Protein backbone atom coordinates (compact mmCIF):
# COMPACT_ATOMS: atom_id res chain seq x y z
CA UNK A 1 -105.29 -86.62 -176.69
CA UNK A 2 -102.93 -87.85 -173.94
CA UNK A 3 -104.33 -90.48 -171.57
CA UNK A 4 -103.81 -89.77 -167.87
CA UNK A 5 -102.94 -92.45 -165.32
CA UNK A 6 -105.84 -94.07 -163.59
CA UNK A 7 -105.57 -95.68 -160.15
CA UNK A 8 -107.06 -99.08 -159.51
CA UNK A 9 -110.45 -97.81 -158.42
CA UNK A 10 -110.70 -95.74 -161.59
CA UNK A 11 -109.60 -98.74 -163.67
CA UNK A 12 -112.42 -100.80 -162.12
CA UNK A 13 -114.83 -98.01 -163.12
CA UNK A 14 -113.46 -98.05 -166.65
CA UNK A 15 -114.10 -101.79 -166.83
CA UNK A 16 -117.63 -101.47 -165.67
CA UNK A 17 -118.19 -98.64 -168.19
CA UNK A 18 -117.38 -101.18 -170.94
CA UNK A 19 -120.29 -103.30 -169.71
CA UNK A 20 -117.95 -105.86 -168.17
CA UNK A 21 -119.19 -107.55 -164.99
CA UNK A 22 -116.86 -108.50 -162.11
CA UNK A 23 -117.53 -111.53 -159.90
CA UNK A 24 -114.88 -110.71 -157.28
CA UNK A 25 -113.87 -107.06 -157.22
CA UNK A 26 -111.07 -107.43 -154.62
CA UNK A 27 -109.45 -110.21 -156.67
CA UNK A 28 -109.85 -108.16 -159.79
CA UNK A 29 -107.93 -105.29 -158.11
CA UNK A 30 -105.12 -107.70 -157.19
CA UNK A 31 -105.00 -108.90 -160.82
CA UNK A 32 -104.91 -105.35 -162.17
CA UNK A 33 -102.02 -104.43 -159.84
CA UNK A 34 -100.11 -107.49 -161.02
CA UNK A 35 -100.89 -107.52 -164.70
CA UNK A 36 -101.93 -103.88 -165.55
CA UNK A 37 -105.16 -102.61 -167.17
CA UNK A 38 -103.48 -101.90 -170.46
CA UNK A 39 -102.01 -105.47 -170.82
CA UNK A 40 -105.21 -107.20 -169.75
CA UNK A 41 -108.25 -105.25 -170.91
CA UNK A 42 -106.81 -103.47 -173.95
CA UNK A 43 -105.12 -106.63 -175.28
CA UNK A 44 -107.76 -109.27 -174.65
CA UNK A 45 -111.25 -107.77 -174.76
CA UNK A 46 -111.75 -108.01 -178.54
CA UNK A 47 -113.56 -111.36 -178.62
CA UNK A 48 -116.18 -109.99 -176.27
CA UNK A 49 -116.92 -106.67 -178.06
CA UNK A 50 -120.54 -105.94 -179.10
CA UNK A 51 -119.84 -104.22 -182.46
CA UNK A 52 -123.42 -103.09 -183.09
CA UNK A 53 -123.95 -101.68 -179.56
CA UNK A 54 -120.51 -100.05 -179.61
CA UNK A 55 -121.42 -98.15 -182.85
CA UNK A 56 -124.74 -97.00 -181.41
CA UNK A 57 -123.23 -95.75 -178.16
CA UNK A 58 -120.12 -94.28 -179.81
CA UNK A 59 -117.81 -96.14 -177.42
CA UNK A 60 -116.51 -99.63 -177.02
CA UNK A 61 -118.93 -101.87 -175.24
CA UNK A 62 -118.71 -105.55 -174.44
CA UNK A 63 -121.51 -108.06 -174.83
CA UNK A 64 -124.07 -108.44 -172.06
CA UNK A 65 -122.79 -110.73 -169.26
CA UNK A 66 -119.14 -110.47 -170.25
CA UNK A 67 -117.11 -111.07 -167.09
CA UNK A 68 -113.73 -109.67 -166.14
CA UNK A 69 -112.77 -113.27 -165.19
CA UNK A 70 -113.43 -114.43 -168.78
CA UNK A 71 -111.02 -111.84 -170.15
CA UNK A 72 -108.49 -112.87 -167.58
CA UNK A 73 -108.90 -116.55 -168.63
CA UNK A 74 -108.00 -115.65 -172.23
CA UNK A 75 -105.10 -113.55 -170.89
CA UNK A 76 -103.78 -116.60 -168.94
CA UNK A 77 -104.16 -118.78 -172.01
CA UNK A 78 -102.13 -116.37 -174.07
CA UNK A 79 -99.37 -116.31 -171.40
CA UNK A 80 -99.25 -120.15 -171.58
CA UNK A 81 -99.22 -119.93 -175.40
CA UNK A 82 -96.28 -117.57 -175.36
CA UNK A 83 -94.37 -119.85 -172.99
CA UNK A 84 -95.06 -122.84 -175.26
CA UNK A 85 -93.87 -120.95 -178.33
CA UNK A 86 -90.65 -119.88 -176.58
CA UNK A 87 -89.99 -123.54 -175.59
CA UNK A 88 -90.63 -125.17 -178.95
CA UNK A 89 -89.12 -122.38 -181.11
CA UNK A 90 -85.99 -122.73 -178.92
CA UNK A 91 -85.87 -126.40 -179.88
CA UNK A 92 -86.11 -125.47 -183.56
CA UNK A 93 -83.44 -122.77 -183.12
CA UNK A 94 -81.01 -125.23 -181.61
CA UNK A 95 -81.65 -127.79 -184.37
CA UNK A 96 -81.28 -125.25 -187.19
CA UNK A 97 -77.99 -123.91 -185.68
CA UNK A 98 -76.66 -127.42 -185.42
CA UNK A 99 -77.55 -128.45 -189.03
CA UNK A 100 -76.16 -125.24 -190.43
CA UNK A 101 -72.96 -125.59 -188.42
CA UNK A 102 -72.41 -129.19 -189.64
CA UNK A 103 -73.17 -128.56 -193.28
CA UNK A 104 -71.22 -125.26 -193.48
CA UNK A 105 -68.19 -126.54 -191.53
CA UNK A 106 -67.84 -129.74 -193.52
CA UNK A 107 -67.70 -127.74 -196.76
CA UNK A 108 -65.74 -124.60 -195.74
CA UNK A 109 -64.04 -125.44 -192.44
CA UNK A 110 -64.94 -124.46 -188.96
CA UNK A 111 -63.29 -121.01 -188.94
CA UNK A 112 -64.35 -119.53 -192.25
CA UNK A 113 -67.92 -118.48 -191.45
CA UNK A 114 -67.36 -114.79 -192.05
CA UNK A 115 -65.51 -115.06 -195.37
CA UNK A 116 -67.44 -113.56 -198.27
CA UNK A 117 -66.44 -116.21 -200.80
CA UNK A 118 -68.32 -118.91 -198.74
CA UNK A 119 -71.69 -117.14 -199.20
CA UNK A 120 -73.90 -116.17 -202.12
CA UNK A 121 -73.01 -112.50 -202.46
CA UNK A 122 -74.17 -110.19 -205.21
CA UNK A 123 -74.08 -106.41 -205.70
CA UNK A 124 -77.60 -106.32 -204.38
CA UNK A 125 -76.90 -108.08 -201.05
CA UNK A 126 -73.27 -107.14 -200.33
CA UNK A 127 -74.34 -104.44 -197.85
CA UNK A 128 -76.55 -107.01 -196.17
CA UNK A 129 -73.53 -109.28 -195.84
CA UNK A 130 -71.36 -106.56 -194.37
CA UNK A 131 -74.17 -105.78 -191.88
CA UNK A 132 -74.48 -109.40 -191.09
CA UNK A 133 -70.75 -109.65 -190.23
CA UNK A 134 -70.94 -106.71 -187.94
CA UNK A 135 -73.92 -108.17 -186.17
CA UNK A 136 -72.25 -111.54 -185.69
CA UNK A 137 -69.17 -109.95 -184.28
CA UNK A 138 -71.31 -107.80 -182.00
CA UNK A 139 -73.23 -110.82 -180.73
CA UNK A 140 -70.01 -112.70 -180.04
CA UNK A 141 -68.35 -109.75 -178.22
CA UNK A 142 -71.51 -109.02 -176.20
CA UNK A 143 -72.23 -112.59 -175.09
CA UNK A 144 -68.81 -114.23 -174.84
CA UNK A 145 -68.24 -113.25 -171.21
CA UNK A 146 -71.15 -115.55 -170.21
CA UNK A 147 -69.26 -118.60 -171.46
CA UNK A 148 -65.84 -119.14 -169.81
CA UNK A 149 -64.79 -122.00 -172.08
CA UNK A 150 -65.51 -119.92 -175.27
CA UNK A 151 -63.83 -116.92 -173.75
CA UNK A 152 -60.66 -118.85 -172.94
CA UNK A 153 -60.62 -120.36 -176.41
CA UNK A 154 -60.91 -116.96 -178.05
CA UNK A 155 -58.14 -115.57 -175.79
CA UNK A 156 -55.80 -118.38 -176.75
CA UNK A 157 -56.52 -118.61 -180.45
CA UNK A 158 -58.07 -115.23 -181.25
CA UNK A 159 -60.88 -117.06 -183.10
CA UNK A 160 -63.66 -119.49 -182.30
CA UNK A 161 -65.17 -122.24 -184.46
CA UNK A 162 -68.67 -121.94 -185.90
CA UNK A 163 -70.18 -124.38 -183.39
CA UNK A 164 -69.06 -122.03 -180.56
CA UNK A 165 -70.09 -118.87 -182.53
CA UNK A 166 -73.66 -120.12 -183.07
CA UNK A 167 -74.04 -120.46 -179.29
CA UNK A 168 -73.58 -116.74 -179.08
CA UNK A 169 -75.78 -115.87 -182.10
CA UNK A 170 -79.42 -114.82 -181.80
CA UNK A 171 -82.16 -116.58 -183.80
CA UNK A 172 -82.23 -113.56 -186.04
CA UNK A 173 -78.44 -113.92 -186.65
CA UNK A 174 -78.77 -117.51 -187.71
CA UNK A 175 -81.72 -116.72 -190.00
CA UNK A 176 -79.56 -114.07 -191.67
CA UNK A 177 -76.73 -116.59 -191.93
CA UNK A 178 -79.07 -119.05 -193.68
CA UNK A 179 -80.39 -116.35 -196.00
CA UNK A 180 -76.87 -115.54 -197.27
CA UNK A 181 -75.73 -119.10 -197.74
CA UNK A 182 -75.16 -120.44 -201.23
CA UNK A 183 -78.32 -121.96 -202.73
CA UNK A 184 -76.86 -125.52 -202.79
CA UNK A 185 -76.04 -125.21 -199.05
CA UNK A 186 -79.51 -123.88 -198.25
CA UNK A 187 -81.04 -126.83 -200.01
CA UNK A 188 -79.01 -129.26 -197.95
CA UNK A 189 -80.24 -127.65 -194.71
CA UNK A 190 -83.83 -127.40 -195.87
CA UNK A 191 -83.88 -131.00 -197.18
CA UNK A 192 -83.34 -132.23 -193.61
CA UNK A 193 -86.82 -130.86 -192.78
CA UNK A 194 -88.30 -131.80 -196.21
CA UNK A 195 -88.92 -128.11 -196.90
CA UNK A 196 -88.16 -126.02 -200.01
CA UNK A 197 -85.16 -123.82 -199.28
CA UNK A 198 -86.97 -120.54 -199.99
CA UNK A 199 -89.97 -121.63 -197.96
CA UNK A 200 -87.70 -122.41 -195.00
CA UNK A 201 -86.50 -118.86 -194.86
CA UNK A 202 -90.09 -117.58 -194.67
CA UNK A 203 -90.96 -120.12 -191.99
CA UNK A 204 -87.95 -119.11 -189.89
CA UNK A 205 -88.77 -115.45 -190.20
CA UNK A 206 -92.39 -116.12 -189.04
CA UNK A 207 -91.12 -118.13 -186.10
CA UNK A 208 -88.72 -115.39 -185.15
CA UNK A 209 -91.50 -112.81 -185.08
CA UNK A 210 -93.60 -115.06 -182.84
CA UNK A 211 -90.59 -115.69 -180.64
CA UNK A 212 -90.02 -111.93 -180.21
CA UNK A 213 -93.74 -111.25 -179.48
CA UNK A 214 -93.64 -114.04 -176.89
CA UNK A 215 -90.43 -112.80 -175.26
CA UNK A 216 -91.85 -109.30 -174.88
CA UNK A 217 -95.13 -110.45 -173.40
CA UNK A 218 -97.39 -109.01 -176.17
CA UNK A 219 -100.77 -110.56 -177.19
CA UNK A 220 -100.12 -113.55 -179.39
CA UNK A 221 -103.20 -115.66 -179.83
CA UNK A 222 -104.88 -113.25 -182.28
CA UNK A 223 -101.82 -112.24 -184.35
CA UNK A 224 -102.02 -111.50 -188.04
CA UNK A 225 -98.52 -111.51 -189.50
CA UNK A 226 -97.34 -109.40 -192.40
CA UNK A 227 -95.27 -112.38 -193.61
CA UNK A 228 -97.60 -115.13 -194.90
CA UNK A 229 -97.29 -118.90 -195.15
CA UNK A 230 -95.70 -119.29 -198.62
CA UNK A 231 -97.86 -122.07 -199.93
CA UNK A 232 -101.51 -121.54 -200.92
CA UNK A 233 -102.05 -124.87 -199.15
CA UNK A 234 -100.11 -128.00 -198.39
CA UNK A 235 -100.71 -131.48 -197.02
CA UNK A 236 -101.33 -130.27 -193.52
CA UNK A 237 -103.85 -127.63 -194.67
CA UNK A 238 -105.56 -130.40 -196.66
CA UNK A 239 -105.45 -132.79 -193.74
CA UNK A 240 -107.24 -130.16 -191.56
CA UNK A 241 -109.77 -129.50 -194.34
CA UNK A 242 -109.30 -125.69 -193.97
CA UNK A 243 -111.85 -123.67 -195.91
CA UNK A 244 -110.60 -122.10 -199.10
CA UNK A 245 -111.41 -118.80 -200.94
CA UNK A 246 -110.42 -119.59 -204.49
CA UNK A 247 -107.09 -121.50 -204.23
CA UNK A 248 -106.04 -119.95 -200.98
CA UNK A 249 -106.93 -121.19 -197.53
CA UNK A 250 -108.74 -118.70 -195.31
CA UNK A 251 -106.86 -119.76 -192.18
CA UNK A 252 -103.37 -121.13 -191.49
CA UNK A 253 -101.69 -118.42 -193.50
CA UNK A 254 -100.79 -115.53 -191.14
CA UNK A 255 -102.21 -116.61 -187.83
CA UNK A 256 -101.44 -118.90 -184.89
CA UNK A 257 -102.69 -121.87 -186.92
CA UNK A 258 -100.01 -121.11 -189.47
CA UNK A 259 -97.39 -121.15 -186.78
CA UNK A 260 -98.73 -124.46 -185.40
CA UNK A 261 -98.41 -125.90 -188.97
CA UNK A 262 -94.85 -124.56 -189.19
CA UNK A 263 -94.00 -126.24 -185.94
CA UNK A 264 -95.15 -129.48 -187.36
CA UNK A 265 -92.69 -128.97 -190.26
CA UNK A 266 -89.67 -128.57 -188.00
CA UNK A 267 -90.30 -130.53 -184.81
CA UNK A 268 -89.63 -134.19 -184.22
CA UNK A 269 -92.93 -136.12 -183.95
CA UNK A 270 -92.72 -136.67 -180.22
CA UNK A 271 -92.03 -132.94 -179.58
CA UNK A 272 -94.90 -131.94 -181.82
CA UNK A 273 -97.33 -134.34 -180.13
CA UNK A 274 -96.25 -132.89 -176.75
CA UNK A 275 -96.84 -129.41 -178.00
CA UNK A 276 -100.33 -130.30 -179.35
CA UNK A 277 -101.29 -131.97 -176.02
CA UNK A 278 -100.21 -128.87 -174.07
CA UNK A 279 -102.04 -126.62 -176.52
CA UNK A 280 -105.19 -128.71 -176.33
CA UNK A 281 -105.17 -128.67 -172.51
CA UNK A 282 -104.72 -124.90 -172.47
CA UNK A 283 -107.65 -124.40 -174.88
CA UNK A 284 -109.83 -126.80 -172.87
CA UNK A 285 -109.17 -124.69 -169.77
CA UNK A 286 -110.30 -121.55 -171.53
CA UNK A 287 -113.42 -123.32 -172.80
CA UNK A 288 -114.51 -123.97 -169.23
CA UNK A 289 -114.45 -120.18 -168.57
CA UNK A 290 -116.26 -118.87 -171.71
CA UNK A 291 -119.73 -119.13 -173.11
CA UNK A 292 -120.14 -120.81 -176.48
CA UNK A 293 -120.26 -117.69 -178.55
CA UNK A 294 -117.14 -116.17 -176.87
CA UNK A 295 -115.33 -119.51 -177.24
CA UNK A 296 -116.08 -119.63 -180.99
CA UNK A 297 -114.80 -116.04 -181.30
CA UNK A 298 -111.69 -117.05 -179.40
CA UNK A 299 -110.99 -120.01 -181.80
CA UNK A 300 -111.69 -117.80 -184.84
CA UNK A 301 -109.08 -115.28 -183.69
CA UNK A 302 -106.45 -118.06 -183.76
CA UNK A 303 -107.68 -119.32 -187.18
CA UNK A 304 -108.82 -122.53 -185.53
CA UNK A 305 -112.46 -123.36 -186.28
CA UNK A 306 -114.17 -126.16 -184.37
CA UNK A 307 -113.79 -128.86 -186.96
CA UNK A 308 -110.12 -127.95 -187.45
CA UNK A 309 -109.58 -127.87 -183.73
CA UNK A 310 -111.02 -131.32 -183.22
CA UNK A 311 -108.98 -132.89 -186.04
CA UNK A 312 -105.76 -131.10 -185.10
CA UNK A 313 -105.92 -132.48 -181.55
CA UNK A 314 -106.41 -136.16 -182.29
């Protein structure tokens, strides 16, 4: 059944019908005009849902004394989280591009980054390589007008070196570049971060998904990724004493906690500490707005239980 457009007054009525209280109705209307009902209520109400009552009534109902302002507090946290992820994943993207450029160029030269013989190509991934070349050429052609120095270089020499090309590549482009590199070259890049070369590819793919979610303004704090952290557990999972089911950790595998652990693997210590401090402050601001039960649900959605949270933020 198609959903018809609802004006702001009707949206307020829909909110009240979900058992959500509003402290300041006029301010709530301003927020709905700015952020939209769909983005705010649909994306961030889950931690407040009364599952038993919803089943009895046959419609989604929030817990007693759930306030619109609490949902908005979670929404604002998620916006901060997306901005943080964009900032810190951008640092990782820059670093990975630089390391790949240096390792590849030293071995094969600065202008041979689209030659098949310099990659690990088999009958099973040859089509992937051809698609990769087309995407790199497209990224360069599409973005080169934004960089006068690169544009002039290309006009004069009809080619640009890899360190210029990576400036025009997307994060997805550079991940594909890494995935097609020869194994010995991948190992050199991954060793810089003390990561196994095949794990590094998984980590980069997970970061890229989070980057894209963040860039498009979609809910992030409660994600569950299809790609999972490749290790059943590692030193950081052990340090945080994450609960296990068998040999596999219950959290830190496909959630925001997993992404936080991956950031620790790639970022310089000072950058990671800065991220943790920003993350901690954002969570503390949400805690002021939520009751204890809602705050526990909020942490659980991120895969961050109380004991983990306290240890992670030392």
